[in-house]
Amino acid sequence: METRKRMKLGMSDRVILGVGYTLLGLFVLVIFVPLVYVVMASFMDPNVLNNQGISFRFQDWTLDAYRRVLENEMIWRGFGNSLFYSVAFAFISVLVTLLAAYPMSKKEFVGRNFFNVIFIITMFFGGGLIPTFILINNLHLVNTVWAILLPGSFNVWNMILARTYYQSIPGELREASELDGASEVQHFFKIMLPVCKPIIAVLALWSFVGMWNSYFDAMIYLNDANLQPLQLVLRSILVQNTPQPGMIADIQSTAEMSKVAELLKYATIVVSSLPLLIMYPFFQKYFDSGIMAGSIKG
């Protein structure tokens, strides 16, 4: 069967497929090679890495970077804060987005076009950093976790995606629930949400990743070091080359401090990327699942 399919492909089709596979392979290499380099560099001795580059001799490898990272209190505190912010933000963002998208998906909703225009305007125009900070400060949210969780919890683009998904669900489901005496709230939570698992998984993953990688809002609104996420700790290591004091207690010279910063860069990148690499396979199954198949029986 496979041979017959290949026989039907013309020369132009083969050229297009060849070009496509080549570009796809190059794209994979662009992603895979830096990833492998970062993982290997995280085990390298900083002197060998700076002078010779990647070495495959085991005597040039060391676990000192991971030891320093895992023993540092600020890393663990920042890791816990980032995990809390990401999970809480994903929950709030998905809930608000789904609740906003549901009425917007109904053609009979009064004021639907007006709210569509308002939402789209906010996609292109914002108040700016200073007015936003003044607003957050007047709401007494500065230096609290709510300054991280609330301002960006509603995303218009995510709402449009959820609205489109709602509109793809057959209206017979609503008619069936009406016949059973279900209210709009009961229909939403008991019928719609179970059917919308794929879009919920996608929105949750996007929200989690976006918050996990975010540091700017925390840098602006959080002054308490105990509330700062992992990204601010990483920023001090990766950008400013200033490892935390606990990591360099046995080092005196500036040159040695720079070497330790170089050593810790790659280890902190690997450690901070682990949650995303671990959780992605669990969400992947929802992306292409045909969960609507068989939901309506004739």
C-alpha atoms as a PDB file:
ATOM      1  CA  MET A   1       0.000   0.000   0.000  1.00  0.00           C
ATOM      2  CA  GLU A   2       2.820   2.319   0.919  1.00  0.00           C
ATOM      3  CA  THR A   3       4.572   1.540  -2.371  1.00  0.00           C
ATOM      4  CA  ARG A   4       1.464   2.461  -4.367  1.00  0.00           C
ATOM      5  CA  LYS A   5       1.223   5.811  -2.588  1.00  0.00           C
ATOM      6  CA  ARG A   6       4.839   6.544  -3.449  1.00  0.00           C
ATOM      7  CA  MET A   7       4.270   5.589  -7.077  1.00  0.00           C
ATOM      8  CA  LYS A   8       1.450   8.123  -7.376  1.00  0.00           C
ATOM      9  CA  LEU A   9       3.669  11.018  -6.289  1.00  0.00           C
ATOM     10  CA  GLY A  10       4.928  13.069  -9.196  1.00  0.00           C
ATOM     11  CA  MET A  11       8.301  14.782  -9.459  1.00  0.00           C
ATOM     12  CA  SER A  12       6.943  18.143  -8.290  1.00  0.00           C
ATOM     13  CA  ASP A  13       5.303  16.487  -5.277  1.00  0.00           C
ATOM     14  CA  ARG A  14       8.557  14.791  -4.349  1.00  0.00           C
ATOM     15  CA  VAL A  15      10.465  18.068  -4.635  1.00  0.00           C
ATOM     16  CA  ILE A  16       7.950  19.859  -2.426  1.00  0.00           C
ATOM     17  CA  LEU A  17       8.043  17.058   0.143  1.00  0.00           C
ATOM     18  CA  GLY A  18      11.830  17.014   0.061  1.00  0.00           C
ATOM     19  CA  VAL A  19      12.043  20.759   0.618  1.00  0.00           C
ATOM     20  CA  GLY A  20       9.456  20.523   3.398  1.00  0.00           C
ATOM     21  CA  TYR A  21      11.291  17.706   5.189  1.00  0.00           C
ATOM     22  CA  THR A  22      14.592  19.557   4.806  1.00  0.00           C
ATOM     23  CA  LEU A  23      13.202  22.743   6.328  1.00  0.00           C
ATOM     24  CA  LEU A  24      11.539  20.742   9.099  1.00  0.00           C
ATOM     25  CA  GLY A  25      14.830  18.982   9.833  1.00  0.00           C
ATOM     26  CA  LEU A  26      16.689  22.298   9.984  1.00  0.00           C
ATOM     27  CA  PHE A  27      14.012  23.693  12.283  1.00  0.00           C
ATOM     28  CA  VAL A  28      14.403  20.698  14.611  1.00  0.00           C
ATOM     29  CA  LEU A  29      18.182  21.148  14.624  1.00  0.00           C
ATOM     30  CA  VAL A  30      17.856  24.852  15.471  1.00  0.00           C
ATOM     31  CA  ILE A  31      15.849  23.859  18.552  1.00  0.00           C
ATOM     32  CA  PHE A  32      17.613  20.622  19.477  1.00  0.00           C
ATOM     33  CA  VAL A  33      21.275  21.675  19.198  1.00  0.00           C
ATOM     34  CA  PRO A  34      21.077  24.624  21.651  1.00  0.00           C
ATOM     35  CA  LEU A  35      19.072  22.450  24.045  1.00  0.00           C
ATOM     36  CA  VAL A  36      21.726  19.723  24.002  1.00  0.00           C
ATOM     37  CA  TYR A  37      24.467  22.346  24.381  1.00  0.00           C
ATOM     38  CA  VAL A  38      22.817  23.890  27.461  1.00  0.00           C
ATOM     39  CA  VAL A  39      22.324  20.483  29.117  1.00  0.00           C
ATOM     40  CA  MET A  40      25.922  19.425  28.470  1.00  0.00           C
ATOM     41  CA  ALA A  41      27.345  22.800  29.483  1.00  0.00           C
ATOM     42  CA  SER A  42      25.529  22.584  32.803  1.00  0.00           C
ATOM     43  CA  PHE A  43      27.786  19.619  33.718  1.00  0.00           C
ATOM     44  CA  MET A  44      31.007  21.168  32.452  1.00  0.00           C
ATOM     45  CA  ASP A  45      33.810  22.664  34.497  1.00  0.00           C
ATOM     46  CA  PRO A  46      33.664  26.446  33.832  1.00  0.00           C
ATOM     47  CA  ASN A  47      37.404  26.680  33.073  1.00  0.00           C
ATOM     48  CA  VAL A  48      37.209  23.896  30.487  1.00  0.00           C
ATOM     49  CA  LEU A  49      34.005  25.318  29.013  1.00  0.00           C
ATOM     50  CA  ASN A  50      35.507  28.808  28.607  1.00  0.00           C
ATOM     51  CA  ASN A  51      38.850  27.601  27.222  1.00  0.00           C
ATOM     52  CA  GLN A  52      37.977  24.501  25.192  1.00  0.00           C
ATOM     53  CA  GLY A  53      34.207  24.427  24.870  1.00  0.00           C
ATOM     54  CA  ILE A  54      32.225  21.221  25.246  1.00  0.00           C
ATOM     55  CA  SER A  55      34.368  18.275  26.308  1.00  0.00           C
ATOM     56  CA  PHE A  56      33.370  14.605  26.288  1.00  0.00           C
ATOM     57  CA  ARG A  57      35.944  13.603  28.904  1.00  0.00           C
ATOM     58  CA  PHE A  58      34.248  12.727  32.157  1.00  0.00           C
ATOM     59  CA  GLN A  59      37.055  14.261  34.223  1.00  0.00           C
ATOM     60  CA  ASP A  60      36.025  17.646  32.819  1.00  0.00           C
ATOM     61  CA  TRP A  61      32.450  17.229  34.047  1.00  0.00           C
ATOM     62  CA  THR A  62      31.136  18.268  37.443  1.00  0.00           C
ATOM     63  CA  LEU A  63      27.892  18.376  39.422  1.00  0.00           C
ATOM     64  CA  ASP A  64      29.007  21.441  41.356  1.00  0.00           C
ATOM     65  CA  ALA A  65      26.554  23.743  39.545  1.00  0.00           C
ATOM     66  CA  TYR A  66      23.543  21.600  40.430  1.00  0.00           C
ATOM     67  CA  ARG A  67      24.796  21.232  43.997  1.00  0.00           C
ATOM     68  CA  ARG A  68      25.016  24.988  44.400  1.00  0.00           C
ATOM     69  CA  VAL A  69      21.617  25.530  42.776  1.00  0.00           C
ATOM     70  CA  LEU A  70      19.821  22.890  44.838  1.00  0.00           C
ATOM     71  CA  GLU A  71      21.429  24.002  48.090  1.00  0.00           C
ATOM     72  CA  ASN A  72      20.442  27.641  47.634  1.00  0.00           C
ATOM     73  CA  GLU A  73      17.396  28.771  49.623  1.00  0.00           C
ATOM     74  CA  MET A  74      16.484  31.600  47.248  1.00  0.00           C
ATOM     75  CA  ILE A  75      16.307  29.201  44.297  1.00  0.00           C
ATOM     76  CA  TRP A  76      13.879  26.919  46.127  1.00  0.00           C
ATOM     77  CA  ARG A  77      11.781  29.824  47.392  1.00  0.00           C
ATOM     78  CA  GLY A  78      11.626  31.346  43.922  1.00  0.00           C
ATOM     79  CA  PHE A  79      10.777  27.945  42.445  1.00  0.00           C
ATOM     80  CA  GLY A  80       7.883  27.524  44.886  1.00  0.00           C
ATOM     81  CA  ASN A  81       6.633  31.065  44.212  1.00  0.00           C
ATOM     82  CA  SER A  82       6.751  30.554  40.447  1.00  0.00           C
ATOM     83  CA  LEU A  83       4.908  27.261  40.728  1.00  0.00           C
ATOM     84  CA  PHE A  84       2.195  28.853  42.871  1.00  0.00           C
ATOM     85  CA  TYR A  85       1.861  31.897  40.584  1.00  0.00           C
ATOM     86  CA  SER A  86       1.696  29.739  37.449  1.00  0.00           C
ATOM     87  CA  VAL A  87      -0.892  27.286  38.773  1.00  0.00           C
ATOM     88  CA  ALA A  88      -3.071  29.993  40.341  1.00  0.00           C
ATOM     89  CA  PHE A  89      -2.803  32.239  37.285  1.00  0.00           C
ATOM     90  CA  ALA A  90      -3.692  29.384  34.922  1.00  0.00           C
ATOM     91  CA  PHE A  91      -6.777  28.548  36.995  1.00  0.00           C
ATOM     92  CA  ILE A  92      -7.967  32.160  37.243  1.00  0.00           C
ATOM     93  CA  SER A  93      -7.201  32.948  33.611  1.00  0.00           C
ATOM     94  CA  VAL A  94      -8.946  29.867  32.214  1.00  0.00           C
ATOM     95  CA  LEU A  95     -12.000  30.379  34.426  1.00  0.00           C
ATOM     96  CA  VAL A  96     -12.377  34.068  33.528  1.00  0.00           C
ATOM     97  CA  THR A  97     -11.755  33.384  29.831  1.00  0.00           C
ATOM     98  CA  LEU A  98     -14.316  30.592  29.614  1.00  0.00           C
ATOM     99  CA  LEU A  99     -16.941  32.601  31.500  1.00  0.00           C
ATOM    100  CA  ALA A 100     -16.418  35.613  29.227  1.00  0.00           C
ATOM    101  CA  ALA A 101     -16.317  33.594  26.012  1.00  0.00           C
ATOM    102  CA  TYR A 102     -19.557  31.687  26.682  1.00  0.00           C
ATOM    103  CA  PRO A 103     -22.008  34.610  26.357  1.00  0.00           C
ATOM    104  CA  MET A 104     -19.919  36.079  23.528  1.00  0.00           C
ATOM    105  CA  SER A 105     -20.464  32.868  21.548  1.00  0.00           C
ATOM    106  CA  LYS A 106     -24.241  33.313  21.567  1.00  0.00           C
ATOM    107  CA  LYS A 107     -25.718  35.304  18.686  1.00  0.00           C
ATOM    108  CA  GLU A 108     -28.767  36.267  20.771  1.00  0.00           C
ATOM    109  CA  PHE A 109     -26.596  37.921  23.436  1.00  0.00           C
ATOM    110  CA  VAL A 110     -27.620  41.592  23.695  1.00  0.00           C
ATOM    111  CA  GLY A 111     -24.631  43.921  23.222  1.00  0.00           C
ATOM    112  CA  ARG A 112     -22.463  41.203  21.704  1.00  0.00           C
ATOM    113  CA  ASN A 113     -21.082  43.409  18.936  1.00  0.00           C
ATOM    114  CA  PHE A 114     -20.419  46.269  21.354  1.00  0.00           C
ATOM    115  CA  PHE A 115     -18.378  44.085  23.705  1.00  0.00           C
ATOM    116  CA  ASN A 116     -16.528  42.574  20.751  1.00  0.00           C
ATOM    117  CA  VAL A 117     -15.359  46.042  19.720  1.00  0.00           C
ATOM    118  CA  ILE A 118     -14.338  46.905  23.290  1.00  0.00           C
ATOM    119  CA  PHE A 119     -12.345  43.693  23.634  1.00  0.00           C
ATOM    120  CA  ILE A 120     -10.599  44.118  20.286  1.00  0.00           C
ATOM    121  CA  ILE A 121      -9.598  47.707  21.127  1.00  0.00           C
ATOM    122  CA  THR A 122      -7.785  46.479  24.233  1.00  0.00           C
ATOM    123  CA  MET A 123      -5.720  44.152  22.033  1.00  0.00           C
ATOM    124  CA  PHE A 124      -4.123  47.127  20.269  1.00  0.00           C
ATOM    125  CA  PHE A 125      -4.179  49.915  22.845  1.00  0.00           C
ATOM    126  CA  GLY A 126      -3.156  49.921  26.500  1.00  0.00           C
ATOM    127  CA  GLY A 127      -2.853  52.457  29.270  1.00  0.00           C
ATOM    128  CA  GLY A 128       0.915  52.189  29.517  1.00  0.00           C
ATOM    129  CA  LEU A 129       3.207  51.196  32.357  1.00  0.00           C
ATOM    130  CA  ILE A 130       2.886  54.285  34.578  1.00  0.00           C
ATOM    131  CA  PRO A 131      -0.951  54.514  34.543  1.00  0.00           C
ATOM    132  CA  THR A 132      -1.138  50.775  35.137  1.00  0.00           C
ATOM    133  CA  PHE A 133       1.228  51.018  38.080  1.00  0.00           C
ATOM    134  CA  ILE A 134      -0.778  53.923  39.530  1.00  0.00           C
ATOM    135  CA  LEU A 135      -3.946  51.846  39.209  1.00  0.00           C
ATOM    136  CA  ILE A 136      -2.373  48.807  40.876  1.00  0.00           C
ATOM    137  CA  ASN A 137      -0.988  51.027  43.631  1.00  0.00           C
ATOM    138  CA  ASN A 138      -4.362  52.715  44.257  1.00  0.00           C
ATOM    139  CA  LEU A 139      -5.953  49.281  44.547  1.00  0.00           C
ATOM    140  CA  HIS A 140      -3.339  48.440  47.224  1.00  0.00           C
ATOM    141  CA  LEU A 141      -2.100  45.455  45.239  1.00  0.00           C
ATOM    142  CA  VAL A 142       1.577  46.459  45.069  1.00  0.00           C
ATOM    143  CA  ASN A 143       3.843  43.962  46.816  1.00  0.00           C
ATOM    144  CA  THR A 144       1.066  41.355  46.958  1.00  0.00           C
ATOM    145  CA  VAL A 145       0.502  38.175  44.980  1.00  0.00           C
ATOM    146  CA  TRP A 146      -2.645  39.693  43.450  1.00  0.00           C
ATOM    147  CA  ALA A 147      -0.519  42.178  41.503  1.00  0.00           C
ATOM    148  CA  ILE A 148       0.852  39.165  39.613  1.00  0.00           C
ATOM    149  CA  LEU A 149      -2.325  37.107  39.323  1.00  0.00           C
ATOM    150  CA  LEU A 150      -5.072  39.603  38.463  1.00  0.00           C
ATOM    151  CA  PRO A 151      -3.929  42.243  35.900  1.00  0.00           C
ATOM    152  CA  GLY A 152      -3.216  39.864  33.013  1.00  0.00           C
ATOM    153  CA  SER A 153      -5.658  37.098  33.858  1.00  0.00           C
ATOM    154  CA  PHE A 154      -7.996  37.993  30.981  1.00  0.00           C
ATOM    155  CA  ASN A 155      -6.529  37.595  27.506  1.00  0.00           C
ATOM    156  CA  VAL A 156      -8.675  38.686  24.569  1.00  0.00           C
ATOM    157  CA  TRP A 157      -6.987  36.332  22.118  1.00  0.00           C
ATOM    158  CA  ASN A 158      -7.661  33.361  24.400  1.00  0.00           C
ATOM    159  CA  MET A 159     -11.265  34.518  24.728  1.00  0.00           C
ATOM    160  CA  ILE A 160     -11.627  34.566  20.940  1.00  0.00           C
ATOM    161  CA  LEU A 161     -10.254  31.025  20.724  1.00  0.00           C
ATOM    162  CA  ALA A 162     -12.634  29.800  23.429  1.00  0.00           C
ATOM    163  CA  ARG A 163     -15.555  31.606  21.784  1.00  0.00           C
ATOM    164  CA  THR A 164     -14.784  29.954  18.458  1.00  0.00           C
ATOM    165  CA  TYR A 165     -14.608  26.562  20.145  1.00  0.00           C
ATOM    166  CA  TYR A 166     -17.995  27.149  21.804  1.00  0.00           C
ATOM    167  CA  GLN A 167     -19.495  28.013  18.428  1.00  0.00           C
ATOM    168  CA  SER A 168     -18.227  24.720  16.968  1.00  0.00           C
ATOM    169  CA  ILE A 169     -20.236  22.734  19.528  1.00  0.00           C
ATOM    170  CA  PRO A 170     -23.593  21.627  18.073  1.00  0.00           C
ATOM    171  CA  GLY A 171     -26.587  23.543  19.415  1.00  0.00           C
ATOM    172  CA  GLU A 172     -28.440  20.273  19.937  1.00  0.00           C
ATOM    173  CA  LEU A 173     -26.577  19.886  23.215  1.00  0.00           C
ATOM    174  CA  ARG A 174     -28.227  23.028  24.581  1.00  0.00           C
ATOM    175  CA  GLU A 175     -31.615  21.942  23.290  1.00  0.00           C
ATOM    176  CA  ALA A 176     -31.239  18.566  24.971  1.00  0.00           C
ATOM    177  CA  SER A 177     -30.262  20.143  28.290  1.00  0.00           C
ATOM    178  CA  GLU A 178     -33.245  22.515  28.067  1.00  0.00           C
ATOM    179  CA  LEU A 179     -35.572  19.557  27.634  1.00  0.00           C
ATOM    180  CA  ASP A 180     -34.083  18.069  30.800  1.00  0.00           C
ATOM    181  CA  GLY A 181     -34.781  21.322  32.660  1.00  0.00           C
ATOM    182  CA  ALA A 182     -31.164  22.479  32.988  1.00  0.00           C
ATOM    183  CA  SER A 183     -30.525  26.166  33.589  1.00  0.00           C
ATOM    184  CA  GLU A 184     -27.855  28.160  31.737  1.00  0.00           C
ATOM    185  CA  VAL A 185     -25.467  27.793  34.665  1.00  0.00           C
ATOM    186  CA  GLN A 186     -26.038  24.041  34.912  1.00  0.00           C
ATOM    187  CA  HIS A 187     -25.599  23.669  31.159  1.00  0.00           C
ATOM    188  CA  PHE A 188     -22.301  25.553  31.286  1.00  0.00           C
ATOM    189  CA  PHE A 189     -20.716  23.656  34.177  1.00  0.00           C
ATOM    190  CA  LYS A 190     -22.170  20.184  33.591  1.00  0.00           C
ATOM    191  CA  ILE A 191     -22.349  20.009  29.796  1.00  0.00           C
ATOM    192  CA  MET A 192     -20.020  22.570  28.243  1.00  0.00           C
ATOM    193  CA  LEU A 193     -16.974  22.285  30.499  1.00  0.00           C
ATOM    194  CA  PRO A 194     -16.593  18.493  30.120  1.00  0.00           C
ATOM    195  CA  VAL A 195     -16.894  18.866  26.345  1.00  0.00           C
ATOM    196  CA  CYS A 196     -14.328  21.677  26.288  1.00  0.00           C
ATOM    197  CA  LYS A 197     -11.416  19.734  27.791  1.00  0.00           C
ATOM    198  CA  PRO A 198      -9.145  20.241  24.731  1.00  0.00           C
ATOM    199  CA  ILE A 199      -9.450  24.039  24.710  1.00  0.00           C
ATOM    200  CA  ILE A 200      -9.188  24.133  28.512  1.00  0.00           C
ATOM    201  CA  ALA A 201      -5.941  22.151  28.339  1.00  0.00           C
ATOM    202  CA  VAL A 202      -4.519  24.454  25.661  1.00  0.00           C
ATOM    203  CA  LEU A 203      -5.461  27.645  27.519  1.00  0.00           C
ATOM    204  CA  ALA A 204      -4.140  26.272  30.808  1.00  0.00           C
ATOM    205  CA  LEU A 205      -0.829  25.301  29.229  1.00  0.00           C
ATOM    206  CA  TRP A 206      -0.415  28.694  27.562  1.00  0.00           C
ATOM    207  CA  SER A 207      -1.274  30.544  30.774  1.00  0.00           C
ATOM    208  CA  PHE A 208       1.061  28.383  32.848  1.00  0.00           C
ATOM    209  CA  VAL A 209       3.984  28.783  30.454  1.00  0.00           C
ATOM    210  CA  GLY A 210       3.393  32.522  30.079  1.00  0.00           C
ATOM    211  CA  MET A 211       3.393  33.092  33.833  1.00  0.00           C
ATOM    212  CA  TRP A 212       6.297  30.734  34.432  1.00  0.00           C
ATOM    213  CA  ASN A 213       8.486  32.675  31.980  1.00  0.00           C
ATOM    214  CA  SER A 214       7.299  36.104  33.120  1.00  0.00           C
ATOM    215  CA  TYR A 215       9.443  38.302  35.333  1.00  0.00           C
ATOM    216  CA  PHE A 216       8.685  41.911  34.331  1.00  0.00           C
ATOM    217  CA  ASP A 217       5.487  42.338  36.363  1.00  0.00           C
ATOM    218  CA  ALA A 218       7.150  40.803  39.417  1.00  0.00           C
ATOM    219  CA  MET A 219      10.109  43.137  39.002  1.00  0.00           C
ATOM    220  CA  ILE A 220       7.788  46.158  38.887  1.00  0.00           C
ATOM    221  CA  TYR A 221       5.225  45.261  41.553  1.00  0.00           C
ATOM    222  CA  LEU A 222       7.076  43.077  44.073  1.00  0.00           C
ATOM    223  CA  ASN A 223       9.598  44.483  46.535  1.00  0.00           C
ATOM    224  CA  ASP A 224       9.581  41.635  49.035  1.00  0.00           C
ATOM    225  CA  ALA A 225      12.267  39.082  48.166  1.00  0.00           C
ATOM    226  CA  ASN A 226      10.152  36.337  49.713  1.00  0.00           C
ATOM    227  CA  LEU A 227       7.454  36.926  47.059  1.00  0.00           C
ATOM    228  CA  GLN A 228       9.738  37.094  44.039  1.00  0.00           C
ATOM    229  CA  PRO A 229       9.455  34.261  41.492  1.00  0.00           C
ATOM    230  CA  LEU A 230      12.267  32.117  40.218  1.00  0.00           C
ATOM    231  CA  GLN A 231      12.689  34.274  37.108  1.00  0.00           C
ATOM    232  CA  LEU A 232      13.969  37.237  39.115  1.00  0.00           C
ATOM    233  CA  VAL A 233      16.559  35.026  40.783  1.00  0.00           C
ATOM    234  CA  LEU A 234      17.570  33.694  37.378  1.00  0.00           C
ATOM    235  CA  ARG A 235      17.724  37.219  36.022  1.00  0.00           C
ATOM    236  CA  SER A 236      20.302  38.168  38.625  1.00  0.00           C
ATOM    237  CA  ILE A 237      22.366  35.138  37.622  1.00  0.00           C
ATOM    238  CA  LEU A 238      21.944  35.158  33.844  1.00  0.00           C
ATOM    239  CA  VAL A 239      21.804  38.890  33.117  1.00  0.00           C
ATOM    240  CA  GLN A 240      23.619  40.591  35.964  1.00  0.00           C
ATOM    241  CA  ASN A 241      26.113  37.771  36.675  1.00  0.00           C
ATOM    242  CA  THR A 242      25.463  38.076  40.399  1.00  0.00           C
ATOM    243  CA  PRO A 243      24.913  34.656  41.998  1.00  0.00           C
ATOM    244  CA  GLN A 244      23.201  34.539  45.350  1.00  0.00           C
ATOM    245  CA  PRO A 245      25.532  34.883  48.375  1.00  0.00           C
ATOM    246  CA  GLY A 246      24.945  31.295  49.481  1.00  0.00           C
ATOM    247  CA  MET A 247      26.287  30.026  46.176  1.00  0.00           C
ATOM    248  CA  ILE A 248      29.623  31.853  46.377  1.00  0.00           C
ATOM    249  CA  ALA A 249      30.414  31.811  50.072  1.00  0.00           C
ATOM    250  CA  ASP A 250      33.757  30.111  49.386  1.00  0.00           C
ATOM    251  CA  ILE A 251      34.829  32.405  46.538  1.00  0.00           C
ATOM    252  CA  GLN A 252      36.631  35.719  46.903  1.00  0.00           C
ATOM    253  CA  SER A 253      37.899  37.081  43.614  1.00  0.00           C
ATOM    254  CA  THR A 254      35.765  38.749  40.974  1.00  0.00           C
ATOM    255  CA  ALA A 255      37.173  36.464  38.283  1.00  0.00           C
ATOM    256  CA  GLU A 256      36.167  33.360  40.205  1.00  0.00           C
ATOM    257  CA  MET A 257      32.735  34.863  40.838  1.00  0.00           C
ATOM    258  CA  SER A 258      32.304  35.339  37.098  1.00  0.00           C
ATOM    259  CA  LYS A 259      33.260  31.698  36.508  1.00  0.00           C
ATOM    260  CA  VAL A 260      30.695  30.530  39.041  1.00  0.00           C
ATOM    261  CA  ALA A 261      28.051  32.720  37.383  1.00  0.00           C
ATOM    262  CA  GLU A 262      28.917  31.083  34.063  1.00  0.00           C
ATOM    263  CA  LEU A 263      28.720  27.671  35.692  1.00  0.00           C
ATOM    264  CA  LEU A 264      25.335  28.384  37.241  1.00  0.00           C
ATOM    265  CA  LYS A 265      23.778  29.822  34.087  1.00  0.00           C
ATOM    266  CA  TYR A 266      23.174  26.546  32.348  1.00  0.00           C
ATOM    267  CA  ALA A 267      22.197  24.617  35.478  1.00  0.00           C
ATOM    268  CA  THR A 268      19.542  27.181  36.388  1.00  0.00           C
ATOM    269  CA  ILE A 269      18.187  27.113  32.824  1.00  0.00           C
ATOM    270  CA  VAL A 270      17.815  23.324  33.002  1.00  0.00           C
ATOM    271  CA  VAL A 271      16.225  23.409  36.462  1.00  0.00           C
ATOM    272  CA  SER A 272      13.769  26.153  35.498  1.00  0.00           C
ATOM    273  CA  SER A 273      12.753  24.319  32.311  1.00  0.00           C
ATOM    274  CA  LEU A 274      12.001  20.975  33.958  1.00  0.00           C
ATOM    275  CA  PRO A 275       8.369  21.727  34.980  1.00  0.00           C
ATOM    276  CA  LEU A 276       7.452  22.683  31.416  1.00  0.00           C
ATOM    277  CA  LEU A 277       9.142  19.608  29.948  1.00  0.00           C
ATOM    278  CA  ILE A 278       7.418  17.358  32.466  1.00  0.00           C
ATOM    279  CA  MET A 279       3.890  18.751  32.117  1.00  0.00           C
ATOM    280  CA  TYR A 280       3.763  19.117  28.322  1.00  0.00           C
ATOM    281  CA  PRO A 281       3.290  15.381  27.508  1.00  0.00           C
ATOM    282  CA  PHE A 282       0.271  15.230  29.810  1.00  0.00           C
ATOM    283  CA  PHE A 283      -1.437  18.045  27.884  1.00  0.00           C
ATOM    284  CA  GLN A 284      -0.404  16.858  24.431  1.00  0.00           C
ATOM    285  CA  LYS A 285      -3.089  14.167  24.286  1.00  0.00           C
ATOM    286  CA  TYR A 286      -5.852  16.790  24.420  1.00  0.00           C
ATOM    287  CA  PHE A 287      -4.648  18.841  21.466  1.00  0.00           C
ATOM    288  CA  ASP A 288      -5.754  16.489  18.712  1.00  0.00           C
ATOM    289  CA  SER A 289      -8.335  14.426  20.547  1.00  0.00           C
ATOM    290  CA  GLY A 290     -11.747  14.188  18.931  1.00  0.00           C
ATOM    291  CA  ILE A 291     -13.643  14.604  22.147  1.00  0.00           C
ATOM    292  CA  MET A 292     -16.783  15.727  20.287  1.00  0.00           C
ATOM    293  CA  ALA A 293     -17.040  12.425  18.417  1.00  0.00           C
ATOM    294  CA  GLY A 294     -20.135  10.610  19.548  1.00  0.00           C
ATOM    295  CA  SER A 295     -21.346  13.390  21.856  1.00  0.00           C
ATOM    296  CA  ILE A 296     -24.601  13.592  19.854  1.00  0.00           C
ATOM    297  CA  LYS A 297     -26.366  10.427  18.849  1.00  0.00           C
ATOM    298  CA  GLY A 298     -28.986  10.286  16.177  1.00  0.00           C
END
